[in-house]
């Protein structure tokens, strides 16, 4: 039995759609396989997926869709279906943020950066956090503390300067907000 090949250039949205389709499930038998019991079962023909990553991607898509919906309500624009392509959805979000103006582009930039960093953290990469200055002391010494699911500053003058004497930590969202408010945004035209 041959496994159906995934088309090249599959977008994450297409891959998510595949998970919902029954075509990936097929009857299998272990008869004829060395050590097989001859039993028949159902298996998924595609590579296994990390459910946590799937939930993260789905949540990111929902956040962008909600952002576009709120932006449309703020401008009084009519509801329209979102584009099918994820890249087009992000372009629509950027256009909606630019149309509303104010802090909307910064909010979108913070949301996109947070999603990117959370994706990297799911894959075990904390490099983006290391490249950011601490929101409090502006030094470069942030680390991801996996056990706490928070970012901590290594600067000894900053790390333990909370009112209660505890270690100063930040969420990824707080870091994203500090990052976008500290930088001037270039609005694409």
N, C-alpha and C. Protein backbone atom coordinates (compact mmCIF):
# COMPACT_ATOMS: atom_id res chain seq x y z
N UNK A 1 0.84 -1.18 0.00
CA UNK A 1 0.00 0.00 0.00
C UNK A 1 0.89 1.24 0.00
N UNK A 2 0.62 2.14 -0.89
CA UNK A 2 1.43 3.35 -0.97
C UNK A 2 0.77 4.44 -0.16
N UNK A 3 1.59 5.25 0.43
CA UNK A 3 1.10 6.37 1.22
C UNK A 3 0.91 7.56 0.29
N UNK A 4 -0.27 8.23 0.36
CA UNK A 4 -0.46 9.40 -0.50
C UNK A 4 0.57 10.45 -0.15
N UNK A 5 1.16 11.03 -1.18
CA UNK A 5 2.17 12.05 -0.98
C UNK A 5 1.52 13.41 -0.81
N UNK A 6 2.08 14.19 0.09
CA UNK A 6 1.60 15.53 0.35
C UNK A 6 2.09 16.42 -0.79
N UNK A 7 1.23 17.27 -1.36
CA UNK A 7 1.68 18.13 -2.43
C UNK A 7 2.77 19.07 -1.93
N UNK A 8 3.74 19.34 -2.79
CA UNK A 8 4.80 20.25 -2.40
C UNK A 8 4.22 21.64 -2.27
N UNK A 9 4.76 22.40 -1.36
CA UNK A 9 4.27 23.76 -1.15
C UNK A 9 3.00 23.79 -0.31
N UNK A 10 2.74 22.75 0.48
CA UNK A 10 1.55 22.73 1.33
C UNK A 10 1.66 23.85 2.36
N UNK A 11 0.57 24.56 2.54
CA UNK A 11 0.55 25.60 3.56
C UNK A 11 0.09 24.97 4.86
N UNK A 12 0.41 25.59 6.00
CA UNK A 12 -0.06 25.04 7.27
C UNK A 12 -1.57 24.90 7.31
N UNK A 13 -2.29 25.83 6.68
CA UNK A 13 -3.75 25.73 6.67
C UNK A 13 -4.19 24.47 5.92
N UNK A 14 -3.51 24.13 4.82
CA UNK A 14 -3.85 22.91 4.08
C UNK A 14 -3.58 21.68 4.94
N UNK A 15 -2.49 21.71 5.67
CA UNK A 15 -2.15 20.57 6.53
C UNK A 15 -3.17 20.40 7.64
N UNK A 16 -3.65 21.53 8.19
CA UNK A 16 -4.68 21.44 9.21
C UNK A 16 -5.97 20.88 8.63
N UNK A 17 -6.30 21.26 7.40
CA UNK A 17 -7.49 20.72 6.75
C UNK A 17 -7.36 19.22 6.54
N UNK A 18 -6.15 18.75 6.23
CA UNK A 18 -5.93 17.32 6.03
C UNK A 18 -6.23 16.53 7.29
N UNK A 19 -5.90 17.10 8.45
CA UNK A 19 -6.12 16.39 9.70
C UNK A 19 -7.60 16.13 9.94
N UNK A 20 -8.44 17.02 9.46
CA UNK A 20 -9.87 16.87 9.66
C UNK A 20 -10.50 15.92 8.66
N UNK A 21 -9.78 15.52 7.63
CA UNK A 21 -10.37 14.67 6.60
C UNK A 21 -10.16 13.20 6.92
N UNK A 22 -11.12 12.35 6.55
CA UNK A 22 -10.99 10.93 6.83
C UNK A 22 -10.08 10.19 5.85
N UNK A 23 -9.58 10.85 4.80
CA UNK A 23 -8.73 10.18 3.82
C UNK A 23 -7.43 9.67 4.43
N UNK A 24 -6.99 10.26 5.50
CA UNK A 24 -5.74 9.84 6.12
C UNK A 24 -5.88 8.55 6.89
N UNK A 25 -7.10 8.13 7.21
CA UNK A 25 -7.31 6.90 7.94
C UNK A 25 -7.50 5.75 6.97
N UNK A 26 -6.82 4.66 7.21
CA UNK A 26 -6.97 3.52 6.32
C UNK A 26 -6.84 2.24 7.12
N UNK A 27 -7.55 1.17 6.68
CA UNK A 27 -7.42 -0.10 7.39
C UNK A 27 -6.03 -0.67 7.15
N UNK A 28 -5.46 -1.26 8.17
CA UNK A 28 -4.14 -1.85 8.05
C UNK A 28 -4.17 -3.24 8.68
N UNK A 29 -3.28 -4.06 8.28
CA UNK A 29 -3.14 -5.38 8.88
C UNK A 29 -1.68 -5.64 9.15
N UNK A 30 -1.41 -6.38 10.20
CA UNK A 30 -0.04 -6.70 10.53
C UNK A 30 0.34 -8.08 10.03
N UNK A 31 -0.57 -8.74 9.29
CA UNK A 31 -0.25 -10.06 8.74
C UNK A 31 0.86 -9.89 7.71
N UNK A 32 1.80 -10.77 7.69
CA UNK A 32 2.90 -10.72 6.73
C UNK A 32 4.06 -9.85 7.19
N UNK A 33 3.89 -9.16 8.30
CA UNK A 33 4.97 -8.34 8.84
C UNK A 33 5.66 -9.19 9.90
N UNK A 34 6.99 -9.30 9.85
CA UNK A 34 7.68 -10.10 10.86
C UNK A 34 7.29 -9.65 12.27
N UNK A 35 6.82 -10.59 13.07
CA UNK A 35 6.39 -10.27 14.43
C UNK A 35 4.97 -9.76 14.48
N UNK A 36 4.28 -9.64 13.32
CA UNK A 36 2.91 -9.16 13.29
C UNK A 36 1.95 -10.20 13.81
N UNK A 37 0.83 -9.73 14.34
CA UNK A 37 -0.15 -10.63 14.92
C UNK A 37 -1.26 -10.98 13.95
N UNK A 38 -1.29 -10.34 12.81
CA UNK A 38 -2.35 -10.57 11.84
C UNK A 38 -3.61 -9.79 12.14
N UNK A 39 -3.56 -8.91 13.16
CA UNK A 39 -4.75 -8.13 13.50
C UNK A 39 -4.93 -6.98 12.52
N UNK A 40 -6.15 -6.52 12.43
CA UNK A 40 -6.48 -5.40 11.55
C UNK A 40 -6.88 -4.22 12.41
N UNK A 41 -6.42 -3.06 12.04
CA UNK A 41 -6.77 -1.86 12.78
C UNK A 41 -6.83 -0.67 11.84
N UNK A 42 -6.93 0.50 12.40
CA UNK A 42 -6.95 1.72 11.61
C UNK A 42 -5.77 2.57 12.05
N UNK A 43 -5.10 3.14 11.09
CA UNK A 43 -3.97 4.00 11.42
C UNK A 43 -4.03 5.24 10.55
N UNK A 44 -3.26 6.22 10.94
CA UNK A 44 -3.18 7.47 10.19
C UNK A 44 -1.96 7.36 9.28
N UNK A 45 -2.13 7.55 7.99
CA UNK A 45 -1.05 7.37 7.02
C UNK A 45 -0.01 8.48 7.04
N UNK A 46 -0.32 9.60 7.61
CA UNK A 46 0.61 10.72 7.59
C UNK A 46 1.46 10.73 8.86
N UNK A 47 2.44 11.58 8.86
CA UNK A 47 3.32 11.69 10.03
C UNK A 47 2.50 12.11 11.24
N UNK A 48 2.89 11.65 12.41
CA UNK A 48 2.18 12.07 13.62
C UNK A 48 2.40 13.56 13.83
N UNK A 49 1.46 14.19 14.48
CA UNK A 49 1.56 15.63 14.72
C UNK A 49 1.57 15.87 16.22
N UNK A 50 2.32 16.83 16.61
CA UNK A 50 2.36 17.24 18.00
C UNK A 50 1.09 18.03 18.27
N UNK A 51 0.24 17.53 19.15
CA UNK A 51 -1.05 18.17 19.42
C UNK A 51 -0.85 19.56 20.01
N UNK A 52 0.19 19.73 20.80
CA UNK A 52 0.45 21.04 21.38
C UNK A 52 0.76 22.07 20.28
N UNK A 53 1.51 21.67 19.27
CA UNK A 53 1.81 22.56 18.14
C UNK A 53 0.54 22.86 17.37
N UNK A 54 -0.29 21.85 17.14
CA UNK A 54 -1.55 22.04 16.44
C UNK A 54 -2.44 23.03 17.18
N UNK A 55 -2.54 22.88 18.50
CA UNK A 55 -3.33 23.81 19.29
C UNK A 55 -2.77 25.23 19.22
N UNK A 56 -1.45 25.34 19.21
CA UNK A 56 -0.82 26.66 19.12
C UNK A 56 -1.13 27.33 17.79
N UNK A 57 -1.01 26.58 16.69
CA UNK A 57 -1.29 27.13 15.36
C UNK A 57 -2.76 27.52 15.25
N UNK A 58 -3.63 26.69 15.76
CA UNK A 58 -5.07 26.98 15.72
C UNK A 58 -5.38 28.24 16.53
N UNK A 59 -4.78 28.37 17.71
CA UNK A 59 -4.99 29.56 18.55
C UNK A 59 -4.47 30.81 17.85
N UNK A 60 -3.33 30.72 17.19
CA UNK A 60 -2.77 31.87 16.46
C UNK A 60 -3.71 32.29 15.34
N UNK A 61 -4.26 31.32 14.61
CA UNK A 61 -5.20 31.63 13.54
C UNK A 61 -6.46 32.30 14.10
N UNK A 62 -6.94 31.82 15.24
CA UNK A 62 -8.12 32.42 15.87
C UNK A 62 -7.84 33.85 16.32
N UNK A 63 -6.65 34.08 16.88
CA UNK A 63 -6.29 35.42 17.33
C UNK A 63 -6.28 36.41 16.17
N UNK A 64 -5.72 36.01 15.04
CA UNK A 64 -5.67 36.90 13.87
C UNK A 64 -7.09 37.15 13.33
N UNK A 65 -7.90 36.11 13.28
CA UNK A 65 -9.28 36.27 12.80
C UNK A 65 -10.06 37.22 13.71
N UNK A 66 -9.89 37.08 15.03
CA UNK A 66 -10.56 37.97 15.97
C UNK A 66 -10.06 39.40 15.83
N UNK A 67 -8.76 39.56 15.60
CA UNK A 67 -8.19 40.89 15.40
C UNK A 67 -8.84 41.57 14.18
N UNK A 68 -8.94 40.83 13.09
CA UNK A 68 -9.54 41.39 11.87
C UNK A 68 -11.00 41.74 12.12
N UNK A 69 -11.72 40.88 12.83
CA UNK A 69 -13.14 41.15 13.13
C UNK A 69 -13.28 42.42 13.97
N UNK A 70 -12.45 42.57 15.01
CA UNK A 70 -12.51 43.78 15.84
C UNK A 70 -12.14 45.03 15.05
N UNK A 71 -11.15 44.91 14.17
CA UNK A 71 -10.74 46.05 13.34
C UNK A 71 -11.88 46.45 12.39
N UNK A 72 -12.55 45.46 11.82
CA UNK A 72 -13.67 45.76 10.93
C UNK A 72 -14.80 46.46 11.69
N UNK A 73 -15.07 46.01 12.90
CA UNK A 73 -16.11 46.66 13.71
C UNK A 73 -15.70 48.09 14.05
N UNK A 74 -14.42 48.32 14.33
CA UNK A 74 -13.94 49.66 14.69
C UNK A 74 -14.08 50.64 13.53
N UNK A 75 -13.93 50.15 12.30
CA UNK A 75 -14.04 51.03 11.13
C UNK A 75 -15.42 51.02 10.52
N UNK A 76 -16.28 50.12 11.01
CA UNK A 76 -17.62 50.02 10.43
C UNK A 76 -17.65 49.29 9.11
N UNK A 77 -16.58 48.57 8.79
CA UNK A 77 -16.51 47.82 7.53
C UNK A 77 -17.44 46.60 7.60
N UNK A 78 -17.92 46.20 6.47
CA UNK A 78 -18.80 45.04 6.40
C UNK A 78 -18.00 43.76 6.62
N UNK A 79 -18.67 42.80 7.25
CA UNK A 79 -18.02 41.50 7.44
C UNK A 79 -17.86 40.82 6.09
N UNK A 80 -16.72 40.23 5.90
CA UNK A 80 -16.42 39.49 4.67
C UNK A 80 -15.67 38.24 5.08
N UNK A 81 -15.75 37.19 4.29
CA UNK A 81 -15.00 35.99 4.64
C UNK A 81 -13.50 36.24 4.57
N UNK A 82 -12.77 35.56 5.43
CA UNK A 82 -11.33 35.68 5.42
C UNK A 82 -10.75 34.92 4.25
N UNK A 83 -9.64 35.37 3.71
CA UNK A 83 -9.00 34.61 2.62
C UNK A 83 -8.60 33.22 3.11
N UNK A 84 -8.49 32.29 2.18
CA UNK A 84 -8.14 30.91 2.53
C UNK A 84 -6.65 30.77 2.83
N UNK A 85 -5.82 31.58 2.21
CA UNK A 85 -4.37 31.50 2.37
C UNK A 85 -3.94 32.24 3.63
N UNK A 86 -3.12 31.62 4.46
CA UNK A 86 -2.68 32.22 5.72
C UNK A 86 -1.92 33.52 5.48
N UNK A 87 -1.09 33.58 4.46
CA UNK A 87 -0.34 34.80 4.16
C UNK A 87 -1.30 35.93 3.83
N UNK A 88 -2.34 35.64 3.09
CA UNK A 88 -3.34 36.66 2.74
C UNK A 88 -4.10 37.12 3.98
N UNK A 89 -4.33 36.22 4.92
CA UNK A 89 -5.01 36.60 6.16
C UNK A 89 -4.15 37.59 6.94
N UNK A 90 -2.86 37.33 7.03
CA UNK A 90 -1.97 38.26 7.75
C UNK A 90 -1.87 39.60 7.02
N UNK A 91 -1.90 39.57 5.68
CA UNK A 91 -1.91 40.84 4.94
C UNK A 91 -3.21 41.60 5.22
N UNK A 92 -4.33 40.88 5.30
CA UNK A 92 -5.62 41.51 5.61
C UNK A 92 -5.58 42.12 7.02
N UNK A 93 -4.94 41.43 7.95
CA UNK A 93 -4.82 41.97 9.32
C UNK A 93 -3.98 43.24 9.32
N UNK A 94 -2.87 43.25 8.57
CA UNK A 94 -2.03 44.44 8.50
C UNK A 94 -2.77 45.61 7.86
N UNK A 95 -3.55 45.31 6.81
CA UNK A 95 -4.33 46.37 6.15
C UNK A 95 -5.40 46.92 7.09
N UNK A 96 -6.04 46.02 7.84
CA UNK A 96 -7.07 46.46 8.79
C UNK A 96 -6.45 47.31 9.90
N UNK A 97 -5.27 46.91 10.39
CA UNK A 97 -4.59 47.68 11.44
C UNK A 97 -4.20 49.06 10.93
N UNK A 98 -3.71 49.14 9.70
CA UNK A 98 -3.32 50.42 9.12
C UNK A 98 -4.53 51.31 8.92
N UNK A 99 -5.65 50.72 8.54
CA UNK A 99 -6.87 51.50 8.31
C UNK A 99 -7.39 52.09 9.61
N UNK A 100 -7.37 51.33 10.69
CA UNK A 100 -7.85 51.82 11.98
C UNK A 100 -6.85 52.82 12.55
N UNK A 101 -5.56 52.52 12.40
CA UNK A 101 -4.52 53.43 12.89
C UNK A 101 -4.35 53.33 14.40
N UNK A 102 -3.85 54.40 14.98
CA UNK A 102 -3.64 54.43 16.43
C UNK A 102 -2.65 53.35 16.86
N UNK A 103 -3.01 52.63 17.92
CA UNK A 103 -2.15 51.58 18.46
C UNK A 103 -2.39 50.22 17.81
N UNK A 104 -3.31 50.14 16.87
CA UNK A 104 -3.64 48.85 16.25
C UNK A 104 -2.44 48.20 15.56
N UNK A 105 -1.62 48.95 14.79
CA UNK A 105 -0.45 48.29 14.19
C UNK A 105 0.53 47.73 15.23
N UNK A 106 0.69 48.47 16.34
CA UNK A 106 1.58 47.97 17.40
C UNK A 106 1.00 46.71 18.04
N UNK A 107 -0.29 46.71 18.26
CA UNK A 107 -0.93 45.54 18.85
C UNK A 107 -0.74 44.33 17.94
N UNK A 108 -0.92 44.51 16.64
CA UNK A 108 -0.74 43.41 15.68
C UNK A 108 0.71 42.95 15.66
N UNK A 109 1.65 43.89 15.70
CA UNK A 109 3.07 43.53 15.70
C UNK A 109 3.42 42.73 16.96
N UNK A 110 2.88 43.14 18.11
CA UNK A 110 3.13 42.41 19.36
C UNK A 110 2.53 41.01 19.29
N UNK A 111 1.33 40.91 18.73
CA UNK A 111 0.68 39.61 18.61
C UNK A 111 1.47 38.69 17.68
N UNK A 112 1.95 39.21 16.57
CA UNK A 112 2.73 38.40 15.62
C UNK A 112 4.05 37.96 16.24
N UNK A 113 4.74 38.86 16.95
CA UNK A 113 6.02 38.51 17.57
C UNK A 113 5.81 37.47 18.66
N UNK A 114 4.77 37.66 19.49
CA UNK A 114 4.47 36.69 20.54
C UNK A 114 4.22 35.31 19.96
N UNK A 115 3.43 35.24 18.89
CA UNK A 115 3.14 33.97 18.25
C UNK A 115 4.41 33.33 17.70
N UNK A 116 5.26 34.13 17.07
CA UNK A 116 6.53 33.62 16.52
C UNK A 116 7.40 33.05 17.63
N UNK A 117 7.54 33.78 18.73
CA UNK A 117 8.39 33.34 19.83
C UNK A 117 7.81 32.10 20.50
N UNK A 118 6.50 32.08 20.69
CA UNK A 118 5.88 30.89 21.29
C UNK A 118 6.08 29.67 20.40
N UNK A 119 6.03 29.87 19.09
CA UNK A 119 6.29 28.77 18.15
C UNK A 119 7.72 28.26 18.32
N UNK A 120 8.66 29.19 18.41
CA UNK A 120 10.06 28.80 18.59
C UNK A 120 10.26 28.07 19.92
N UNK A 121 9.60 28.54 20.96
CA UNK A 121 9.73 27.90 22.27
C UNK A 121 9.19 26.47 22.23
N UNK A 122 8.11 26.26 21.50
CA UNK A 122 7.57 24.90 21.35
C UNK A 122 8.58 23.97 20.69
N UNK A 123 9.43 24.54 19.84
CA UNK A 123 10.45 23.76 19.14
C UNK A 123 11.77 23.73 19.91
N UNK A 124 11.80 24.35 21.10
CA UNK A 124 13.00 24.31 21.93
C UNK A 124 14.01 25.41 21.64
N UNK A 125 13.62 26.45 20.91
CA UNK A 125 14.53 27.54 20.55
C UNK A 125 14.14 28.80 21.30
N UNK A 126 15.02 29.29 22.16
CA UNK A 126 14.76 30.52 22.92
C UNK A 126 15.62 31.67 22.43
N UNK A 127 16.15 31.56 21.22
CA UNK A 127 17.06 32.57 20.69
C UNK A 127 16.46 33.95 20.56
N UNK A 128 15.20 34.05 20.19
CA UNK A 128 14.56 35.36 20.04
C UNK A 128 14.48 36.09 21.37
N UNK A 129 14.28 35.35 22.44
CA UNK A 129 14.22 35.98 23.76
C UNK A 129 15.60 36.50 24.15
N UNK A 130 16.64 35.74 23.86
CA UNK A 130 18.00 36.15 24.21
C UNK A 130 18.41 37.43 23.49
N UNK A 131 17.83 37.69 22.33
CA UNK A 131 18.20 38.87 21.53
C UNK A 131 17.44 40.13 21.94
N UNK A 132 16.54 40.01 22.92
CA UNK A 132 15.75 41.17 23.36
C UNK A 132 16.33 41.75 24.65
N UNK A 133 16.30 43.08 24.79
CA UNK A 133 16.73 43.67 26.06
C UNK A 133 15.65 43.50 27.12
N UNK A 134 16.06 43.48 28.35
CA UNK A 134 15.12 43.38 29.47
C UNK A 134 14.23 44.62 29.47
N UNK A 135 12.93 44.48 29.63
CA UNK A 135 12.05 45.65 29.67
C UNK A 135 12.33 46.59 30.84
N UNK A 136 12.94 46.08 31.92
CA UNK A 136 13.20 46.91 33.09
C UNK A 136 14.55 47.59 33.05
N UNK A 137 15.62 46.80 32.85
CA UNK A 137 16.97 47.37 32.96
C UNK A 137 17.62 47.61 31.60
N UNK A 138 16.98 47.15 30.51
CA UNK A 138 17.44 47.33 29.13
C UNK A 138 18.77 46.64 28.83
N UNK A 139 19.22 45.70 29.68
CA UNK A 139 20.42 44.93 29.38
C UNK A 139 20.01 43.65 28.66
N UNK A 140 20.98 43.04 28.00
CA UNK A 140 20.73 41.80 27.27
C UNK A 140 21.13 40.62 28.14
N UNK A 141 20.17 40.06 28.81
CA UNK A 141 20.45 38.93 29.67
C UNK A 141 19.18 38.16 29.98
N UNK A 142 18.24 38.17 29.05
CA UNK A 142 17.00 37.45 29.28
C UNK A 142 17.17 35.98 28.94
N UNK A 143 16.53 35.14 29.74
CA UNK A 143 16.52 33.70 29.48
C UNK A 143 15.09 33.18 29.62
N UNK A 144 14.82 32.08 28.95
CA UNK A 144 13.53 31.41 29.07
C UNK A 144 13.65 30.37 30.18
N UNK A 145 12.79 30.48 31.19
CA UNK A 145 12.76 29.52 32.28
C UNK A 145 11.60 28.57 32.01
N UNK A 146 11.93 27.42 31.46
CA UNK A 146 10.92 26.47 31.01
C UNK A 146 9.99 26.03 32.14
N UNK A 147 10.53 25.78 33.31
CA UNK A 147 9.72 25.30 34.43
C UNK A 147 8.65 26.31 34.85
N UNK A 148 8.95 27.59 34.68
CA UNK A 148 8.01 28.65 35.07
C UNK A 148 7.18 29.14 33.90
N UNK A 149 7.59 28.81 32.68
CA UNK A 149 6.97 29.34 31.46
C UNK A 149 7.00 30.86 31.46
N UNK A 150 8.15 31.39 31.84
CA UNK A 150 8.32 32.83 31.90
C UNK A 150 9.74 33.19 31.49
N UNK A 151 9.94 34.49 31.24
CA UNK A 151 11.25 35.03 30.87
C UNK A 151 11.82 35.69 32.12
N UNK A 152 13.12 35.50 32.34
CA UNK A 152 13.77 36.07 33.51
C UNK A 152 15.01 36.83 33.07
N UNK A 153 15.33 37.87 33.82
CA UNK A 153 16.53 38.66 33.56
C UNK A 153 17.66 38.11 34.42
N UNK A 154 18.85 37.99 33.84
CA UNK A 154 20.01 37.48 34.57
C UNK A 154 20.81 38.58 35.27
N UNK A 155 20.53 39.83 34.96
CA UNK A 155 21.24 40.93 35.59
C UNK A 155 20.93 40.91 37.09
N UNK A 156 21.95 40.77 37.91
CA UNK A 156 21.72 40.61 39.35
C UNK A 156 21.09 41.84 40.00
N UNK A 157 21.27 43.00 39.40
CA UNK A 157 20.67 44.21 39.95
C UNK A 157 19.20 44.32 39.56
N UNK A 158 18.82 43.64 38.51
CA UNK A 158 17.44 43.71 38.02
C UNK A 158 16.62 42.51 38.47
N UNK A 159 17.23 41.34 38.47
CA UNK A 159 16.49 40.10 38.67
C UNK A 159 15.78 40.02 40.01
N UNK A 160 16.36 40.55 41.06
CA UNK A 160 15.75 40.42 42.38
C UNK A 160 15.33 41.78 42.94
N UNK A 161 14.80 42.65 42.10
CA UNK A 161 14.45 43.99 42.58
C UNK A 161 12.95 44.21 42.65
N UNK A 162 12.16 43.14 42.72
CA UNK A 162 10.73 43.34 42.88
C UNK A 162 10.46 43.77 44.32
N UNK A 163 9.29 44.30 44.57
CA UNK A 163 8.95 44.79 45.91
C UNK A 163 9.00 43.69 46.95
N UNK A 164 8.69 42.47 46.54
CA UNK A 164 8.70 41.35 47.49
C UNK A 164 10.06 40.65 47.54
N UNK A 165 11.03 41.11 46.76
CA UNK A 165 12.34 40.51 46.74
C UNK A 165 12.43 39.25 45.90
N UNK A 166 11.38 38.96 45.17
CA UNK A 166 11.37 37.78 44.31
C UNK A 166 12.05 38.08 42.99
N UNK A 167 12.34 37.02 42.27
CA UNK A 167 12.95 37.15 40.96
C UNK A 167 11.97 37.85 40.00
N UNK A 168 12.49 38.79 39.23
CA UNK A 168 11.68 39.52 38.26
C UNK A 168 11.51 38.63 37.03
N UNK A 169 10.28 38.38 36.65
CA UNK A 169 10.01 37.57 35.46
C UNK A 169 8.95 38.26 34.61
N UNK A 170 8.90 37.84 33.36
CA UNK A 170 7.96 38.42 32.40
C UNK A 170 7.31 37.30 31.61
N UNK A 171 6.11 37.55 31.16
CA UNK A 171 5.49 36.62 30.22
C UNK A 171 5.97 36.98 28.82
N UNK A 172 5.76 36.09 27.88
CA UNK A 172 6.13 36.37 26.49
C UNK A 172 5.29 37.55 25.98
N UNK A 173 4.04 37.62 26.41
CA UNK A 173 3.18 38.74 25.99
C UNK A 173 3.72 40.06 26.51
N UNK A 174 4.17 40.11 27.77
CA UNK A 174 4.74 41.33 28.32
C UNK A 174 6.00 41.74 27.56
N UNK A 175 6.81 40.78 27.21
CA UNK A 175 8.01 41.06 26.43
C UNK A 175 7.65 41.58 25.05
N UNK A 176 6.63 40.99 24.42
CA UNK A 176 6.19 41.46 23.10
C UNK A 176 5.66 42.89 23.18
N UNK A 177 4.90 43.20 24.21
CA UNK A 177 4.38 44.56 24.37
C UNK A 177 5.51 45.56 24.57
N UNK A 178 6.48 45.20 25.40
CA UNK A 178 7.62 46.09 25.64
C UNK A 178 8.43 46.27 24.36
N UNK A 179 8.58 45.21 23.61
CA UNK A 179 9.36 45.25 22.37
C UNK A 179 8.72 46.19 21.35
N UNK A 180 7.42 46.09 21.16
CA UNK A 180 6.76 46.92 20.15
C UNK A 180 6.59 48.36 20.61
N UNK A 181 6.48 48.60 21.89
CA UNK A 181 6.34 49.99 22.34
C UNK A 181 7.67 50.72 22.33
N UNK A 182 8.77 49.98 22.41
CA UNK A 182 10.09 50.60 22.43
C UNK A 182 10.59 50.93 21.03
N UNK A 183 10.00 50.34 20.02
CA UNK A 183 10.46 50.55 18.64
C UNK A 183 9.40 51.27 17.83
N UNK A 184 9.86 52.10 16.96
CA UNK A 184 8.94 52.74 16.03
C UNK A 184 8.57 51.72 14.96
N UNK A 185 7.32 51.65 14.63
CA UNK A 185 6.86 50.70 13.64
C UNK A 185 6.85 51.34 12.27
N UNK A 186 7.27 50.53 11.30
CA UNK A 186 7.17 50.96 9.91
C UNK A 186 5.87 50.39 9.37
N UNK A 187 4.98 51.23 8.95
CA UNK A 187 3.71 50.79 8.41
C UNK A 187 3.91 50.55 6.91
N UNK A 188 3.66 49.32 6.49
CA UNK A 188 3.81 48.99 5.07
C UNK A 188 2.69 49.65 4.28
N UNK A 189 3.04 50.17 3.13
CA UNK A 189 2.01 50.80 2.30
C UNK A 189 1.80 50.03 1.02
